[in-house]
Amino acid sequence: MKAKNWEFVSTSDLDETEQAVLSQLKIDGRMSSVDIARKIGVTEATVRRKMARLLEDPGISIQAVVRPLRSEEGIAALVGLDVAREHITNVAELLATYSFVDNVYVTTGPFDVIMTISMPSTASLFDFLSRELSQIPGIKDSESYMIARAFKHAGRAYP
């Protein structure tokens, strides 16, 4: 196999070749098995076999990722939530059901839950933060940060 020029993929149950295949797919999810094989130094058949196994895993998917603030319209924000311990899982599961919520993470540190959201306007963000979040049991406080520009998102750097 060629020298490693791919990034770490945090999946300890995958072998080195599977991690290399995933790394290339993170760069370009449409990359052909021929191109992946050439870049990581294995045969195309090996890549096809590894990809088939990877795609059977429910924790792995290939999908289109849209950069936050791709156009001049809309806003994107990070929102950190202080949540009562007994409500953390319920809050995270509920937030994951909103269509405009892109990511939800239970975290360590000053926030119990962090989410990224994409909305049409600052007014809609304000309404969500002031009206909707205040109705969810267990949320004690929130802190939000509007994203001004994305330099790297989902593993891809943007000029």
Protein backbone atom coordinates (compact mmCIF):
# COMPACT_ATOMS: atom_id res chain seq x y z
CA MET A 1 0.00 0.00 0.00
CA LYS A 2 1.20 3.55 -0.73
CA ALA A 3 2.28 5.92 2.01
CA LYS A 4 -0.69 7.15 3.99
CA ASN A 5 -1.93 10.44 2.59
CA TRP A 6 -5.44 10.19 3.96
CA GLU A 7 -6.96 11.43 7.15
CA PHE A 8 -7.96 9.47 10.21
CA VAL A 9 -11.49 8.10 10.22
CA SER A 10 -12.66 7.38 13.77
CA THR A 11 -13.90 3.86 13.27
CA SER A 12 -11.79 1.33 15.14
CA ASP A 13 -13.71 -1.63 13.70
CA LEU A 14 -12.48 -0.83 10.15
CA ASP A 15 -9.23 -2.06 8.70
CA GLU A 16 -6.63 0.25 7.18
CA THR A 17 -7.94 -0.16 3.62
CA GLU A 18 -11.54 0.55 4.65
CA GLN A 19 -10.41 3.68 6.47
CA ALA A 20 -8.49 4.78 3.36
CA VAL A 21 -11.55 4.19 1.15
CA LEU A 22 -13.72 6.22 3.52
CA SER A 23 -11.15 8.99 3.60
CA GLN A 24 -11.25 9.29 -0.19
CA LEU A 25 -15.07 9.22 -0.23
CA LYS A 26 -15.11 12.04 2.33
CA ILE A 27 -13.17 14.12 -0.20
CA ASP A 28 -15.48 13.20 -3.09
CA GLY A 29 -18.43 10.88 -2.54
CA ARG A 30 -18.70 10.35 -6.31
CA MET A 31 -15.10 9.20 -6.71
CA SER A 32 -14.89 6.02 -8.80
CA SER A 33 -13.50 2.79 -7.41
CA VAL A 34 -10.75 3.03 -10.05
CA ASP A 35 -9.65 6.45 -8.78
CA ILE A 36 -9.83 5.36 -5.14
CA ALA A 37 -7.77 2.25 -5.90
CA ARG A 38 -5.13 4.32 -7.65
CA LYS A 39 -4.91 6.85 -4.81
CA ILE A 40 -4.61 4.31 -1.99
CA GLY A 41 -2.58 1.69 -3.84
CA VAL A 42 -4.90 -1.31 -3.95
CA THR A 43 -6.84 -3.08 -6.71
CA GLU A 44 -10.21 -1.86 -7.93
CA ALA A 45 -11.76 -5.19 -6.89
CA THR A 46 -10.53 -4.61 -3.34
CA VAL A 47 -12.09 -1.13 -3.31
CA ARG A 48 -15.42 -2.43 -4.64
CA ARG A 49 -15.47 -5.21 -2.02
CA LYS A 50 -14.58 -2.79 0.80
CA MET A 51 -17.17 -0.23 -0.38
CA ALA A 52 -19.90 -2.89 -0.45
CA ARG A 53 -19.05 -3.85 3.13
CA LEU A 54 -18.90 -0.22 4.28
CA LEU A 55 -22.27 0.63 2.76
CA GLU A 56 -23.91 -2.28 4.63
CA ASP A 57 -22.95 -0.52 7.89
CA PRO A 58 -25.92 1.59 9.11
CA GLY A 59 -23.47 4.08 10.64
CA ILE A 60 -21.94 4.94 7.26
CA SER A 61 -23.68 6.73 4.41
CA ILE A 62 -22.72 8.69 1.34
CA GLN A 63 -24.75 11.85 0.82
CA ALA A 64 -24.62 15.34 -0.55
CA VAL A 65 -23.33 17.90 1.94
CA VAL A 66 -24.26 21.54 1.47
CA ARG A 67 -21.82 24.16 2.74
CA PRO A 68 -23.37 26.53 5.28
CA LEU A 69 -24.05 29.95 3.75
CA ARG A 70 -23.67 28.60 0.22
CA SER A 71 -25.63 31.57 -1.06
CA GLU A 72 -26.33 35.12 0.09
CA GLU A 73 -29.67 34.00 1.53
CA GLY A 74 -30.24 32.50 4.94
CA ILE A 75 -28.16 32.14 8.06
CA ALA A 76 -26.33 29.34 9.82
CA ALA A 77 -25.65 29.16 13.53
CA LEU A 78 -24.12 27.05 16.26
CA VAL A 79 -26.28 26.80 19.36
CA GLY A 80 -25.04 25.49 22.69
CA LEU A 81 -27.59 24.37 25.23
CA ASP A 82 -27.45 23.99 28.99
CA VAL A 83 -29.80 21.08 29.69
CA ALA A 84 -30.90 19.39 32.91
CA ARG A 85 -29.07 16.04 33.03
CA GLU A 86 -32.22 13.92 33.10
CA HIS A 87 -33.47 15.61 29.90
CA ILE A 88 -30.32 15.52 27.73
CA THR A 89 -31.28 12.50 25.61
CA ASN A 90 -34.89 13.61 25.14
CA VAL A 91 -33.82 17.13 24.16
CA ALA A 92 -31.22 15.85 21.67
CA GLU A 93 -33.69 13.40 20.11
CA LEU A 94 -36.38 16.10 19.78
CA LEU A 95 -34.01 18.66 18.23
CA ALA A 96 -32.88 16.05 15.69
CA THR A 97 -36.45 15.97 14.31
CA TYR A 98 -36.41 19.61 13.15
CA SER A 99 -35.74 19.93 9.42
CA PHE A 100 -33.57 23.05 9.81
CA VAL A 101 -31.35 21.43 12.45
CA ASP A 102 -28.33 20.06 10.60
CA ASN A 103 -26.42 18.39 13.46
CA VAL A 104 -27.08 17.58 17.11
CA TYR A 105 -24.32 16.50 19.49
CA VAL A 106 -24.33 15.63 23.19
CA THR A 107 -21.05 17.06 24.44
CA THR A 108 -18.78 17.56 27.40
CA GLY A 109 -17.76 21.03 28.51
CA PRO A 110 -19.87 24.12 29.10
CA PHE A 111 -22.75 22.91 26.89
CA ASP A 112 -24.65 19.65 27.23
CA VAL A 113 -25.98 19.75 23.67
CA ILE A 114 -24.61 21.60 20.65
CA MET A 115 -26.47 21.88 17.36
CA THR A 116 -25.90 23.52 14.01
CA ILE A 117 -28.87 25.01 12.25
CA SER A 118 -29.65 26.64 8.90
CA MET A 119 -32.53 29.10 8.74
CA PRO A 120 -33.92 31.62 6.28
CA SER A 121 -33.36 34.73 8.44
CA THR A 122 -32.20 36.16 11.74
CA ALA A 123 -35.87 36.70 12.60
CA SER A 124 -36.57 32.96 12.22
CA LEU A 125 -33.51 32.19 14.36
CA PHE A 126 -34.76 34.59 17.03
CA ASP A 127 -38.24 33.01 16.98
CA PHE A 128 -36.78 29.53 17.31
CA LEU A 129 -34.46 30.50 20.16
CA SER A 130 -36.95 32.61 22.08
CA ARG A 131 -40.21 30.77 21.49
CA GLU A 132 -39.54 27.18 20.50
CA LEU A 133 -36.57 26.35 22.73
CA SER A 134 -38.26 27.88 25.75
CA GLN A 135 -41.07 25.33 25.40
CA ILE A 136 -38.79 22.27 25.47
CA PRO A 137 -38.63 20.72 28.96
CA GLY A 138 -35.15 20.55 30.43
CA ILE A 139 -33.47 23.37 28.48
CA LYS A 140 -32.13 25.83 31.03
CA ASP A 141 -30.26 28.24 28.75
CA SER A 142 -28.81 28.64 25.27
CA GLU A 143 -25.94 30.47 23.67
CA SER A 144 -25.89 31.00 19.92
CA TYR A 145 -23.20 31.93 17.44
CA MET A 146 -24.08 32.96 13.89
CA ILE A 147 -21.69 31.56 11.31
CA ALA A 148 -20.22 34.35 9.20
CA ARG A 149 -18.28 32.17 6.76
CA ALA A 150 -17.37 28.49 6.44
CA PHE A 151 -13.70 27.74 5.66
CA LYS A 152 -14.06 23.99 6.13
CA HIS A 153 -17.22 21.92 6.42
CA ALA A 154 -17.73 18.14 6.50
CA GLY A 155 -14.05 17.60 5.73
CA ARG A 156 -13.92 19.88 2.70
CA ALA A 157 -11.98 23.18 2.74
CA TYR A 158 -13.43 26.18 0.90
CA PRO A 159 -11.34 29.03 -0.53
